[in-house]
Amino acid sequence: MTTAPFARGFRLHLWHGQALDGAELPNGRAFVMDDPMWGLGSTARTVDLLQAGYPDARIEWPDEQLHDRLIELVTRWRAEGPPSGTSVSRWWDQHLAELAAVIDPADDESQETDGG
């Protein structure tokens, strides 16, 4: 049995550039931290209603960024193809490392600092 995540995080980008952290709960309700230092926030019955309270703001979902980066990688890989005389498996190994860095950038950074 697969369980749904408790909340889905997002960033609410305000018109002047500030980004606020927020989350959508499984029941559809949403909240955003307006002032994280003091723990003040705004809530609404839906993400759309929450966003309506912030004129000209846009919502960024983390999985949208990942999707865009994956499409970019696949497009570039298809255009490049393996260089002549290069083993396809060696070429693919290099690209798997690149793919892993896109999917989990924190893991890639920890390997660099660990000397991995």
Protein backbone atom coordinates (compact mmCIF):
# COMPACT_ATOMS: atom_id res chain seq x y z
CA MET A 1 0.00 0.00 0.00
CA THR A 2 1.37 3.41 -0.97
CA THR A 3 0.72 6.32 1.34
CA ALA A 4 0.41 9.87 0.11
CA PRO A 5 2.83 12.44 1.49
CA PHE A 6 1.50 14.47 4.39
CA ALA A 7 2.04 17.79 2.66
CA ARG A 8 3.29 19.07 -0.68
CA GLY A 9 5.62 22.03 -0.40
CA PHE A 10 5.71 25.02 -2.73
CA ARG A 11 7.18 28.49 -3.00
CA LEU A 12 4.98 31.54 -3.42
CA HIS A 13 6.95 34.11 -5.41
CA LEU A 14 5.73 37.63 -4.70
CA TRP A 15 5.78 40.37 -7.34
CA HIS A 16 8.81 42.09 -5.74
CA GLY A 17 10.94 38.94 -5.72
CA GLN A 18 10.48 37.59 -2.19
CA ALA A 19 9.71 33.87 -2.02
CA LEU A 20 7.57 32.48 0.79
CA ASP A 21 7.57 28.80 1.80
CA GLY A 22 4.21 27.11 1.84
CA ALA A 23 2.50 23.75 1.81
CA GLU A 24 -0.68 22.11 0.59
CA LEU A 25 -2.18 19.54 2.95
CA PRO A 26 -3.88 16.33 1.76
CA ASN A 27 -7.32 17.86 2.42
CA GLY A 28 -6.51 20.71 0.00
CA ARG A 29 -5.97 23.40 2.62
CA ALA A 30 -2.87 25.53 2.16
CA PHE A 31 -0.65 27.76 4.22
CA VAL A 32 2.32 30.03 3.63
CA MET A 33 4.84 31.46 6.10
CA ASP A 34 4.67 35.25 5.75
CA ASP A 35 7.09 35.87 8.62
CA PRO A 36 9.10 32.74 9.48
CA MET A 37 10.98 34.50 12.28
CA TRP A 38 7.78 35.10 14.24
CA GLY A 39 5.89 32.09 12.87
CA LEU A 40 3.21 34.20 11.24
CA GLY A 41 1.46 32.87 8.20
CA SER A 42 -1.64 32.85 6.06
CA THR A 43 -4.00 29.96 5.42
CA ALA A 44 -6.81 29.24 2.99
CA ARG A 45 -9.14 26.40 1.98
CA THR A 46 -7.23 25.92 -1.29
CA VAL A 47 -3.95 26.94 -2.90
CA ASP A 48 -5.87 29.01 -5.46
CA LEU A 49 -7.65 30.97 -2.71
CA LEU A 50 -4.34 31.48 -0.90
CA GLN A 51 -2.67 32.74 -4.07
CA ALA A 52 -5.58 35.12 -4.69
CA GLY A 53 -4.56 36.97 -1.53
CA TYR A 54 -1.19 37.81 -3.07
CA PRO A 55 -1.76 39.85 -6.26
CA ASP A 56 0.67 39.07 -9.09
CA ALA A 57 2.26 36.19 -7.15
CA ARG A 58 3.07 32.87 -8.75
CA ILE A 59 3.44 29.41 -7.25
CA GLU A 60 6.42 27.19 -7.94
CA TRP A 61 6.07 23.49 -7.23
CA PRO A 62 9.37 21.60 -6.76
CA ASP A 63 8.41 18.83 -9.17
CA GLU A 64 7.92 21.41 -11.97
CA GLN A 65 11.58 22.42 -11.72
CA LEU A 66 12.68 18.79 -11.82
CA HIS A 67 10.49 18.08 -14.84
CA ASP A 68 11.98 21.02 -16.75
CA ARG A 69 15.55 19.96 -15.96
CA LEU A 70 14.86 16.35 -16.98
CA ILE A 71 13.36 17.44 -20.31
CA GLU A 72 16.42 19.63 -20.92
CA LEU A 73 18.77 16.70 -20.23
CA VAL A 74 16.93 14.26 -22.48
CA THR A 75 16.75 16.79 -25.31
CA ARG A 76 20.48 17.49 -25.07
CA TRP A 77 21.38 13.79 -24.85
CA ARG A 78 19.31 12.97 -27.91
CA ALA A 79 20.96 15.78 -29.86
CA GLU A 80 24.48 14.79 -28.80
CA GLY A 81 24.38 11.00 -28.85
CA PRO A 82 27.48 9.04 -27.88
CA PRO A 83 30.67 10.37 -29.49
CA SER A 84 32.13 8.24 -32.24
CA GLY A 85 34.40 5.54 -30.84
CA THR A 86 33.00 5.87 -27.30
CA SER A 87 31.47 2.88 -25.56
CA VAL A 88 27.73 3.38 -25.17
CA SER A 89 27.87 1.97 -21.63
CA ARG A 90 30.67 4.40 -20.64
CA TRP A 91 28.69 7.29 -22.20
CA TRP A 92 25.57 6.15 -20.35
CA ASP A 93 27.45 5.85 -17.01
CA GLN A 94 28.54 9.49 -17.32
CA HIS A 95 24.98 10.55 -18.06
CA LEU A 96 23.58 8.53 -15.15
CA ALA A 97 25.83 10.53 -12.83
CA GLU A 98 24.52 13.75 -14.40
CA LEU A 99 20.94 12.49 -14.01
CA ALA A 100 21.52 11.62 -10.35
CA ALA A 101 22.83 15.15 -9.72
CA VAL A 102 19.65 16.64 -11.22
CA ILE A 103 17.31 14.36 -9.26
CA ASP A 104 19.07 14.83 -5.92
CA PRO A 105 21.44 17.82 -5.96
CA ALA A 106 22.01 17.57 -2.20
CA ASP A 107 23.43 14.06 -2.66
CA ASP A 108 25.79 15.32 -5.35
CA GLU A 109 27.01 18.17 -3.10
CA SER A 110 27.63 15.82 -0.18
CA GLN A 111 29.75 13.56 -2.38
CA GLU A 112 31.87 16.55 -3.40
CA THR A 113 32.44 17.62 0.21
CA ASP A 114 33.10 14.03 1.31
CA GLY A 115 35.66 13.63 -1.42
CA GLY A 116 33.39 11.12 -3.21
